[in-house]
C-alpha atoms as a PDB file:
ATOM      1  CA  MET A   1     -13.924  -5.307 -12.420  1.00  0.00           C
ATOM      2  CA  SER A   2     -14.148  -9.421 -12.965  1.00  0.00           C
ATOM      3  CA  TYR A   3     -11.128  -9.951 -10.818  1.00  0.00           C
ATOM      4  CA  ALA A   4     -12.340 -12.354  -7.915  1.00  0.00           C
ATOM      5  CA  GLY A   5      -8.783 -13.326  -6.483  1.00  0.00           C
ATOM      6  CA  PRO A   6      -6.919 -12.200  -3.529  1.00  0.00           C
ATOM      7  CA  LEU A   7      -5.261  -8.943  -3.194  1.00  0.00           C
ATOM      8  CA  ASN A   8      -2.550  -7.626  -0.527  1.00  0.00           C
ATOM      9  CA  ILE A   9      -0.466  -4.336  -0.003  1.00  0.00           C
ATOM     10  CA  GLU A  10       2.948  -4.708  -0.037  1.00  0.00           C
ATOM     11  CA  SER A  11       4.315  -2.090   2.469  1.00  0.00           C
ATOM     12  CA  PHE A  12       8.438  -0.678   2.600  1.00  0.00           C
ATOM     13  CA  THR A  13       9.550   2.183   5.132  1.00  0.00           C
ATOM     14  CA  VAL A  14      12.423   4.332   4.774  1.00  0.00           C
ATOM     15  CA  ASP A  15      13.716   2.410   8.078  1.00  0.00           C
ATOM     16  CA  ASN A  16      15.743   0.278   6.608  1.00  0.00           C
ATOM     17  CA  ALA A  17      18.069   2.010   4.449  1.00  0.00           C
ATOM     18  CA  ALA A  18      18.933  -1.539   2.191  1.00  0.00           C
ATOM     19  CA  ILE A  19      15.199  -1.967   1.709  1.00  0.00           C
ATOM     20  CA  ALA A  20      14.803   1.731   1.354  1.00  0.00           C
ATOM     21  CA  VAL A  21      17.264   1.782  -1.141  1.00  0.00           C
ATOM     22  CA  ALA A  22      16.665  -1.035  -3.293  1.00  0.00           C
ATOM     23  CA  ALA A  23      13.038  -0.464  -3.549  1.00  0.00           C
ATOM     24  CA  SER A  24      13.791   3.645  -4.053  1.00  0.00           C
ATOM     25  CA  ILE A  25      11.869   4.766  -1.394  1.00  0.00           C
ATOM     26  CA  TRP A  26      13.232   8.216  -0.889  1.00  0.00           C
ATOM     27  CA  ARG A  27      10.192   9.425   1.425  1.00  0.00           C
ATOM     28  CA  PRO A  28       7.663   8.119   3.757  1.00  0.00           C
ATOM     29  CA  LEU A  29       4.727   6.741   1.992  1.00  0.00           C
ATOM     30  CA  ALA A  30       2.239   7.756   4.746  1.00  0.00           C
ATOM     31  CA  ARG A  31       2.142   9.297   8.484  1.00  0.00           C
ATOM     32  CA  SER A  32       2.867   5.894   9.897  1.00  0.00           C
ATOM     33  CA  GLN A  33       2.884   2.396   9.112  1.00  0.00           C
ATOM     34  CA  ASP A  34      -0.955   2.130  10.141  1.00  0.00           C
ATOM     35  CA  ARG A  35      -1.754   4.504   8.323  1.00  0.00           C
ATOM     36  CA  LEU A  36      -0.542   3.360   5.316  1.00  0.00           C
ATOM     37  CA  ALA A  37      -2.422  -0.013   6.160  1.00  0.00           C
ATOM     38  CA  GLU A  38      -5.560   1.538   6.892  1.00  0.00           C
ATOM     39  CA  THR A  39      -5.894   3.868   3.914  1.00  0.00           C
ATOM     40  CA  GLY A  40      -4.067   1.106   1.124  1.00  0.00           C
ATOM     41  CA  LEU A  41      -6.872  -1.511   2.735  1.00  0.00           C
ATOM     42  CA  ALA A  42      -9.709   1.518   2.384  1.00  0.00           C
ATOM     43  CA  PHE A  43      -7.988   1.861  -1.525  1.00  0.00           C
ATOM     44  CA  LEU A  44      -8.476  -2.337  -1.876  1.00  0.00           C
ATOM     45  CA  ARG A  45     -12.093  -2.482  -0.810  1.00  0.00           C
ATOM     46  CA  SER A  46     -13.303   0.173  -2.869  1.00  0.00           C
ATOM     47  CA  LEU A  47     -12.127  -1.605  -5.815  1.00  0.00           C
ATOM     48  CA  GLY A  48     -14.091  -4.617  -4.691  1.00  0.00           C
ATOM     49  CA  ARG A  49     -17.037  -2.381  -4.512  1.00  0.00           C
ATOM     50  CA  GLY A  50     -16.382  -1.259  -8.381  1.00  0.00           C
ATOM     51  CA  ASN A  51     -15.847   1.920  -7.117  1.00  0.00           C
ATOM     52  CA  GLN A  52     -12.340   4.176  -9.036  1.00  0.00           C
ATOM     53  CA  PRO A  53      -9.731   5.014  -6.923  1.00  0.00           C
END
């Protein structure tokens, strides 16, 4: 992978009905928002090291 630009995580929640419907979120994506951020960050870091997810 040769991409060197910024990466980000876009997180949604089922706790906001309007956003959940708009984003087609029908179940929790993780045990907590913190856990979602932790696993997402680990995934992005693994990409930066050239590892496969």
